[in-house]
Amino acid sequence: MSSKSTEISKPTGKTLSEITHGDRFMGFVAGIFSGTAKLLTGHPLDTIKVRMQSEGGFGQFRGPLHCLMVTIRKEGFLALYKGATPPLFGWALMDSVQYGSLANIRWVLQKRHPAGGKLTVVDHAIAGMFAGIIVSFVATPIELLKARLQVQYADPKTKLYSGPIDCAKQLVFSGQVVSRNKT
């Protein structure tokens, strides 16, 4: 049996028998750091995108740059991170579940190959598909919560939620989280 036929993947170069629980756990750890980095760099852009989408073409913003400037001027720089608490934990959790699931599904598929042969492109696609299905159950409620908080402006008269926990409670008690996941 050659080592080439027993490789689990090029990055690790480990045979199936050399894969440890720690190796399988690293996908979860990598996902936590990935989700955090994604939040820090992408959330301000996501906030601008969601605000522009939700204003419904009523002319509140002339474009993304105008939306950015108005948001900062009226609510401060930190307004770009409105609704960031759910995705801070959520994206870390989502990426952890996705990467961890992907690593473990690949491991299970690897075990099914004779002599631990390399995964095919189809195997990788199957692993990715199942990891995506698994993470969708975590992602849907988190994205709903994030979007609700992002479109809440600083005006106290129109403020619906006092924070992420209040928003989550209201969505759960109104049945919106459950009904959103059913569709």
Protein backbone atom coordinates (compact mmCIF):
# COMPACT_ATOMS: atom_id res chain seq x y z
CA MET A 1 0.00 0.00 0.00
CA SER A 2 1.62 3.27 -1.10
CA SER A 3 1.39 6.42 0.98
CA LYS A 4 -0.07 8.21 -2.04
CA SER A 5 -3.16 5.99 -2.02
CA THR A 6 -3.76 6.54 1.68
CA GLU A 7 -3.54 10.34 1.80
CA ILE A 8 -6.64 12.02 3.19
CA SER A 9 -5.78 15.29 1.48
CA LYS A 10 -2.82 17.18 0.11
CA PRO A 11 -2.77 19.82 2.90
CA THR A 12 -2.38 17.31 5.76
CA GLY A 13 -0.56 14.53 3.97
CA LYS A 14 -1.72 12.18 6.75
CA THR A 15 -3.04 8.71 6.17
CA LEU A 16 -6.46 7.82 7.47
CA SER A 17 -4.94 5.92 10.39
CA GLU A 18 -2.83 8.97 11.31
CA ILE A 19 -5.81 11.35 11.59
CA THR A 20 -6.42 12.19 15.25
CA HIS A 21 -9.46 13.61 17.02
CA GLY A 22 -7.46 16.83 17.34
CA ASP A 23 -7.08 17.00 13.55
CA ARG A 24 -10.83 16.56 13.14
CA PHE A 25 -11.47 19.19 15.84
CA MET A 26 -9.27 21.82 14.11
CA GLY A 27 -12.02 22.55 11.58
CA PHE A 28 -14.19 23.81 14.41
CA VAL A 29 -11.38 25.98 15.82
CA ALA A 30 -10.53 27.41 12.40
CA GLY A 31 -14.20 28.27 11.92
CA ILE A 32 -14.26 30.39 15.08
CA PHE A 33 -11.35 32.52 13.84
CA SER A 34 -12.82 32.68 10.33
CA GLY A 35 -16.18 33.93 11.60
CA THR A 36 -14.56 36.58 13.80
CA ALA A 37 -12.37 37.87 10.96
CA LYS A 38 -15.38 37.94 8.64
CA LEU A 39 -17.34 40.04 11.12
CA LEU A 40 -14.59 42.59 11.73
CA THR A 41 -13.95 43.18 8.04
CA GLY A 42 -17.33 42.62 6.41
CA HIS A 43 -20.02 43.74 8.84
CA PRO A 44 -19.82 47.49 8.06
CA LEU A 45 -20.32 46.75 4.34
CA ASP A 46 -23.15 44.37 5.17
CA THR A 47 -24.85 47.02 7.30
CA ILE A 48 -24.74 49.52 4.42
CA LYS A 49 -26.06 46.87 2.00
CA VAL A 50 -28.94 45.89 4.31
CA ARG A 51 -29.89 49.51 4.98
CA MET A 52 -29.97 50.29 1.29
CA GLN A 53 -32.06 47.20 0.57
CA SER A 54 -34.54 47.92 3.36
CA GLU A 55 -35.11 51.60 2.55
CA GLY A 56 -37.17 50.42 -0.42
CA GLY A 57 -36.11 53.09 -2.90
CA PHE A 58 -37.74 55.91 -0.93
CA GLY A 59 -34.75 58.14 -1.56
CA GLN A 60 -33.28 58.15 1.90
CA PHE A 61 -29.86 57.30 0.43
CA ARG A 62 -28.41 58.27 -2.96
CA GLY A 63 -25.97 55.36 -2.97
CA PRO A 64 -23.69 53.26 -0.78
CA LEU A 65 -21.22 56.05 -0.04
CA HIS A 66 -24.03 58.42 0.91
CA CYS A 67 -25.55 55.74 3.14
CA LEU A 68 -22.15 55.27 4.80
CA MET A 69 -21.68 59.01 5.39
CA VAL A 70 -25.23 59.57 6.69
CA THR A 71 -24.96 56.60 9.03
CA ILE A 72 -21.65 57.77 10.48
CA ARG A 73 -22.77 61.41 10.73
CA LYS A 74 -26.11 60.68 12.42
CA GLU A 75 -25.24 57.61 14.51
CA GLY A 76 -21.45 57.47 14.74
CA PHE A 77 -18.87 55.01 13.40
CA LEU A 78 -20.02 52.19 15.68
CA ALA A 79 -23.43 52.24 13.98
CA LEU A 80 -21.71 50.33 11.17
CA TYR A 81 -21.43 47.48 13.68
CA LYS A 82 -25.11 47.60 14.70
CA GLY A 83 -26.39 44.10 15.01
CA ALA A 84 -22.83 42.77 15.20
CA THR A 85 -23.25 40.81 18.42
CA PRO A 86 -25.38 38.01 16.92
CA PRO A 87 -23.05 37.48 13.96
CA LEU A 88 -19.94 37.76 16.14
CA PHE A 89 -21.07 34.64 17.93
CA GLY A 90 -23.20 33.44 15.03
CA TRP A 91 -20.61 33.56 12.27
CA ALA A 92 -18.01 32.04 14.56
CA LEU A 93 -20.54 29.30 15.37
CA MET A 94 -21.65 28.96 11.73
CA ASP A 95 -18.12 28.73 10.35
CA SER A 96 -17.15 26.38 13.16
CA VAL A 97 -20.09 24.09 12.37
CA GLN A 98 -19.44 24.33 8.64
CA TYR A 99 -15.68 23.70 8.75
CA GLY A 100 -15.98 21.09 11.48
CA SER A 101 -18.77 19.29 9.64
CA LEU A 102 -16.83 19.45 6.40
CA ALA A 103 -13.71 17.95 8.00
CA ASN A 104 -15.67 15.18 9.69
CA ILE A 105 -17.79 14.36 6.64
CA ARG A 106 -14.61 14.13 4.55
CA TRP A 107 -13.16 11.84 7.22
CA VAL A 108 -16.24 9.59 7.08
CA LEU A 109 -16.08 9.50 3.27
CA GLN A 110 -12.35 8.78 3.46
CA LYS A 111 -13.04 5.76 5.67
CA ARG A 112 -15.34 4.32 2.99
CA HIS A 113 -12.65 4.30 0.31
CA PRO A 114 -10.70 1.09 -0.13
CA ALA A 115 -7.34 1.36 1.63
CA GLY A 116 -8.18 4.98 2.56
CA GLY A 117 -7.82 6.26 -1.03
CA LYS A 118 -7.96 9.96 -1.89
CA LEU A 119 -11.31 11.66 -2.07
CA THR A 120 -12.64 12.40 -5.52
CA VAL A 121 -14.09 15.72 -6.65
CA VAL A 122 -17.56 14.21 -6.19
CA ASP A 123 -16.67 13.20 -2.62
CA HIS A 124 -15.58 16.76 -1.85
CA ALA A 125 -18.79 18.10 -3.42
CA ILE A 126 -20.90 15.72 -1.32
CA ALA A 127 -19.04 16.73 1.85
CA GLY A 128 -19.54 20.42 1.01
CA MET A 129 -23.22 19.93 0.26
CA PHE A 130 -23.90 18.19 3.58
CA ALA A 131 -21.83 20.74 5.52
CA GLY A 132 -23.90 23.50 3.87
CA ILE A 133 -27.16 21.80 4.79
CA ILE A 134 -26.03 21.36 8.39
CA VAL A 135 -24.92 24.99 8.78
CA SER A 136 -28.19 26.35 7.31
CA PHE A 137 -30.02 25.38 10.50
CA VAL A 138 -27.68 27.64 12.46
CA ALA A 139 -27.40 30.42 9.86
CA THR A 140 -31.09 31.18 9.21
CA PRO A 141 -32.09 32.47 12.66
CA ILE A 142 -28.78 34.30 13.11
CA GLU A 143 -29.14 36.14 9.79
CA LEU A 144 -32.73 37.11 10.60
CA LEU A 145 -31.67 38.55 13.95
CA LYS A 146 -28.73 40.42 12.40
CA ALA A 147 -30.85 41.98 9.65
CA ARG A 148 -33.55 43.11 12.08
CA LEU A 149 -30.95 44.91 14.21
CA GLN A 150 -29.16 46.46 11.21
CA VAL A 151 -32.24 48.25 9.92
CA GLN A 152 -33.08 49.70 13.30
CA TYR A 153 -32.12 53.37 13.23
CA ALA A 154 -31.16 55.55 16.21
CA ASP A 155 -34.56 57.27 16.43
CA PRO A 156 -36.04 56.25 19.83
CA LYS A 157 -39.60 56.60 18.45
CA THR A 158 -39.09 53.83 15.90
CA LYS A 159 -36.71 51.63 17.90
CA LEU A 160 -38.20 48.15 18.26
CA TYR A 161 -35.44 46.29 20.09
CA SER A 162 -33.24 47.25 23.04
CA GLY A 163 -30.53 44.86 21.85
CA PRO A 164 -29.85 41.42 20.40
CA ILE A 165 -31.36 39.47 23.31
CA ASP A 166 -34.55 41.54 23.22
CA CYS A 167 -34.76 41.09 19.45
CA ALA A 168 -34.29 37.31 19.78
CA LYS A 169 -36.98 37.11 22.47
CA GLN A 170 -39.46 39.09 20.38
CA LEU A 171 -38.79 36.98 17.29
CA VAL A 172 -39.15 33.72 19.21
CA PHE A 173 -42.32 34.79 21.07
CA SER A 174 -43.91 36.09 17.87
CA GLY A 175 -43.15 32.77 16.15
CA GLN A 176 -41.13 34.40 13.38
CA VAL A 177 -37.96 32.36 13.92
CA VAL A 178 -39.84 29.07 13.72
CA SER A 179 -41.96 30.13 10.74
CA ARG A 180 -38.86 31.42 8.85
CA ASN A 181 -37.12 28.05 9.26
CA LYS A 182 -40.14 26.15 7.96
CA THR A 183 -40.01 27.84 4.56
